[in-house]
Protein backbone atom coordinates (compact mmCIF):
# COMPACT_ATOMS: atom_id res chain seq x y z
CA MET A 1 46.38 106.53 230.52
CA SER A 2 45.08 107.20 227.01
CA GLU A 3 43.73 110.56 226.04
CA THR A 4 40.18 111.08 224.83
CA PRO A 5 40.00 110.79 221.04
CA THR A 6 39.23 113.92 219.07
CA TYR A 7 36.60 113.48 216.38
CA THR A 8 36.25 115.86 213.43
CA ARG A 9 33.16 116.19 211.27
CA ALA A 10 34.09 114.65 207.93
CA ALA A 11 30.88 114.54 205.89
CA HIS A 12 27.12 114.27 205.81
CA ILE A 13 26.01 110.64 205.58
CA SER A 14 24.32 111.39 202.23
CA ASP A 15 27.73 112.41 200.78
CA ILE A 16 28.79 108.75 200.87
CA PRO A 17 26.98 106.57 198.34
CA ASP A 18 25.73 103.12 199.37
CA ASP A 19 28.52 100.64 198.60
CA GLY A 20 30.67 103.59 197.62
CA THR A 21 33.39 105.98 198.70
CA PHE A 22 33.86 109.67 199.41
CA GLY A 23 37.28 111.33 199.72
CA VAL A 24 37.83 114.10 202.26
CA GLU A 25 40.75 115.84 203.90
CA ILE A 26 40.96 116.18 207.68
CA ASP A 27 43.77 118.33 209.09
CA GLY A 28 45.77 117.78 205.89
CA GLU A 29 45.30 114.00 205.98
CA PRO A 30 43.53 112.34 203.01
CA VAL A 31 40.68 110.14 204.28
CA CYS A 32 38.54 107.71 202.33
CA LEU A 33 35.04 107.30 203.76
CA ILE A 34 33.33 104.06 202.77
CA ARG A 35 29.72 103.02 203.23
CA THR A 36 28.98 99.32 202.88
CA GLY A 37 26.79 96.81 204.67
CA GLY A 38 24.97 99.62 206.45
CA GLU A 39 28.20 100.80 208.14
CA VAL A 40 30.67 103.63 207.55
CA PHE A 41 34.43 103.13 207.64
CA ALA A 42 37.39 105.48 207.28
CA LEU A 43 40.80 104.64 205.81
CA ARG A 44 43.83 106.66 204.87
CA ASP A 45 43.03 107.63 201.28
CA VAL A 46 46.34 106.43 199.85
CA CYS A 47 46.97 102.94 198.47
CA SER A 48 50.01 101.45 200.21
CA HIS A 49 51.21 100.01 196.89
CA ALA A 50 50.91 102.85 194.39
CA GLU A 51 50.06 105.96 196.44
CA VAL A 52 46.85 106.76 194.56
CA PRO A 53 43.48 107.60 196.17
CA LEU A 54 41.49 104.59 197.37
CA SER A 55 38.39 106.80 197.23
CA GLU A 56 38.51 106.36 193.44
CA GLY A 57 38.28 102.57 193.82
CA GLU A 58 35.44 100.08 193.83
CA ILE A 59 33.66 98.66 196.90
CA TYR A 60 32.37 95.13 197.28
CA ASP A 61 31.44 93.41 200.53
CA HIS A 62 33.92 94.92 203.02
CA THR A 63 36.67 95.41 200.45
CA VAL A 64 37.97 98.46 198.61
CA GLU A 65 39.83 97.76 195.38
CA CYS A 66 42.42 100.26 194.16
CA TRP A 67 41.64 101.42 190.63
CA LEU A 68 45.24 101.44 189.44
CA HIS A 69 46.68 97.95 190.00
CA GLY A 70 43.80 96.15 191.75
CA SER A 71 45.20 96.00 195.29
CA CYS A 72 42.41 95.12 197.71
CA PHE A 73 42.02 96.12 201.38
CA ASP A 74 39.60 95.07 204.11
CA VAL A 75 37.82 98.29 205.09
CA ARG A 76 37.45 97.08 208.69
CA THR A 77 41.16 96.41 209.31
CA GLY A 78 43.09 98.09 206.50
CA GLN A 79 44.86 94.79 205.81
CA PRO A 80 45.62 93.94 202.17
CA THR A 81 43.46 91.09 200.88
CA GLY A 82 44.81 90.97 197.35
CA PRO A 83 48.10 91.72 195.61
CA PRO A 84 50.10 93.64 194.68
CA ALA A 85 49.78 95.53 198.02
CA THR A 86 51.54 93.90 200.97
CA GLU A 87 51.31 96.73 203.54
CA PRO A 88 48.10 97.77 205.34
CA VAL A 89 46.54 101.23 205.24
CA ALA A 90 45.56 103.14 208.38
CA VAL A 91 41.98 102.69 209.61
CA TYR A 92 40.34 105.45 211.64
CA PRO A 93 37.45 105.22 214.14
CA VAL A 94 34.14 106.58 212.91
CA LYS A 95 31.06 107.74 214.77
CA ILE A 96 27.73 108.89 213.41
CA GLU A 97 25.78 111.65 215.15
CA GLY A 98 22.47 112.38 213.49
CA ASP A 99 23.33 112.60 209.78
CA ASP A 100 26.95 113.66 210.32
CA VAL A 101 29.99 111.41 210.04
CA TYR A 102 32.89 112.05 212.42
CA VAL A 103 36.38 110.58 212.15
CA SER A 104 39.19 110.47 214.71
CA LEU A 105 42.74 110.65 213.40
CA THR A 106 44.10 110.54 216.95
CA ALA A 107 42.53 107.31 218.21
CA GLU A 108 43.48 103.73 217.49
CA LYS A 109 40.79 101.75 215.70
CA GLU A 110 39.43 99.00 217.93
CA SER A 111 39.12 95.72 216.06
């Protein structure tokens, strides 16, 4: 039996630019919020290749590109889509209530 996920308010929707990112910290965990295609996604804000913030990267389609070496990740799955990264980054469930964005660090993201 799985426990009910705990969601924490992470940001106001206006904090996240369209086709952009916004870095936050939730319970000591760096989180990259991404708004693209009318949706909001949350990833661990650390590139799995170079350990730099993904929130400083570029967004196109459903991809975030790390600013340092160009590693690319699918924001829906966390899977690398371009080298040099070979390991995925954690993806967290997001819910929107009114104009607030909530993220769960305790729940598994449903694909």
